[in-house]
Amino acid sequence: MKNLIINNYVRKLRFLNDEMTQKDLASKVGVSRQTIVAIEKGQYSPTLDLCFKLALVFDKSIGEIFYIDTSNEKEK
């Protein structure tokens, strides 16, 4: 099985939540601002623990925050 490309709506959700800053979100979930930046850019896949913390902050399910990018898959 090839590697999955996992994207997210973290940046969008921050803005929908009173334009929450990366620093504010980082503080709420207990990570650095740089970690939030890396998650938003798709450069870091968060732990399951961190995914649940983000879900609690945004009052969303993990599946509403993270998704598998299938746009680059070619049909066989």
Protein backbone atom coordinates (compact mmCIF):
# COMPACT_ATOMS: atom_id res chain seq x y z
CA MET A 1 0.00 0.00 0.00
CA LYS A 2 1.37 3.40 -0.90
CA ASN A 3 1.72 6.22 1.59
CA LEU A 4 -1.41 8.20 2.31
CA ILE A 5 -1.47 11.95 1.88
CA ILE A 6 -3.38 13.35 4.83
CA ASN A 7 -4.57 16.95 4.68
CA ASN A 8 -6.52 19.00 7.17
CA TYR A 9 -8.85 21.92 7.77
CA VAL A 10 -7.00 23.25 10.84
CA ARG A 11 -6.29 26.68 9.33
CA LYS A 12 -9.88 27.07 8.13
CA LEU A 13 -11.26 25.98 11.50
CA ARG A 14 -9.05 28.48 13.33
CA PHE A 15 -10.51 31.30 11.27
CA LEU A 16 -14.05 30.04 11.78
CA ASN A 17 -13.38 30.13 15.53
CA ASP A 18 -13.04 33.88 16.00
CA GLU A 19 -9.85 33.97 13.92
CA MET A 20 -7.95 32.02 16.56
CA THR A 21 -4.20 32.49 16.23
CA GLN A 22 -1.77 29.62 15.81
CA LYS A 23 -0.31 30.56 19.17
CA ASP A 24 -3.73 30.40 20.87
CA LEU A 25 -4.48 27.00 19.35
CA ALA A 26 -1.04 25.71 20.29
CA SER A 27 -1.60 26.81 23.87
CA LYS A 28 -4.99 25.09 24.02
CA VAL A 29 -3.63 21.75 22.82
CA GLY A 30 -0.23 21.89 24.53
CA VAL A 31 2.16 22.15 21.58
CA SER A 32 4.35 24.84 20.06
CA ARG A 33 3.12 27.31 17.45
CA GLN A 34 5.62 25.75 15.05
CA THR A 35 3.84 22.40 15.43
CA ILE A 36 0.54 24.02 14.41
CA VAL A 37 2.28 25.63 11.42
CA ALA A 38 3.70 22.26 10.37
CA ILE A 39 0.30 20.54 10.73
CA GLU A 40 -1.42 23.21 8.66
CA LYS A 41 1.22 22.90 5.91
CA GLY A 42 0.92 19.11 5.91
CA GLN A 43 4.54 18.74 6.98
CA TYR A 44 3.71 16.94 10.22
CA SER A 45 1.18 14.23 11.01
CA PRO A 46 -0.02 14.73 14.58
CA THR A 47 -0.32 11.94 17.09
CA LEU A 48 -3.75 10.47 17.75
CA ASP A 49 -3.70 12.20 21.14
CA LEU A 50 -3.14 15.58 19.47
CA CYS A 51 -5.86 14.84 16.89
CA PHE A 52 -8.35 14.27 19.71
CA LYS A 53 -7.26 17.48 21.45
CA LEU A 54 -7.79 19.44 18.23
CA ALA A 55 -11.19 17.79 17.80
CA LEU A 56 -12.17 18.87 21.31
CA VAL A 57 -11.04 22.47 20.74
CA PHE A 58 -12.96 22.75 17.48
CA ASP A 59 -15.92 20.63 18.67
CA LYS A 60 -15.54 18.45 15.56
CA SER A 61 -14.81 14.80 14.90
CA ILE A 62 -11.31 13.87 13.80
CA GLY A 63 -12.75 13.02 10.38
CA GLU A 64 -14.07 16.57 10.06
CA ILE A 65 -10.56 17.96 10.62
CA PHE A 66 -8.33 15.48 8.77
CA TYR A 67 -8.95 13.80 5.41
CA ILE A 68 -7.13 11.64 2.90
CA ASP A 69 -6.19 13.52 -0.26
CA THR A 70 -7.22 11.38 -3.19
CA SER A 71 -6.77 14.09 -5.84
CA ASN A 72 -3.38 12.70 -6.89
CA GLU A 73 -4.54 9.11 -7.27
CA LYS A 74 -4.73 7.83 -10.83
CA GLU A 75 -7.39 5.40 -11.91
CA LYS A 76 -6.12 1.94 -12.72
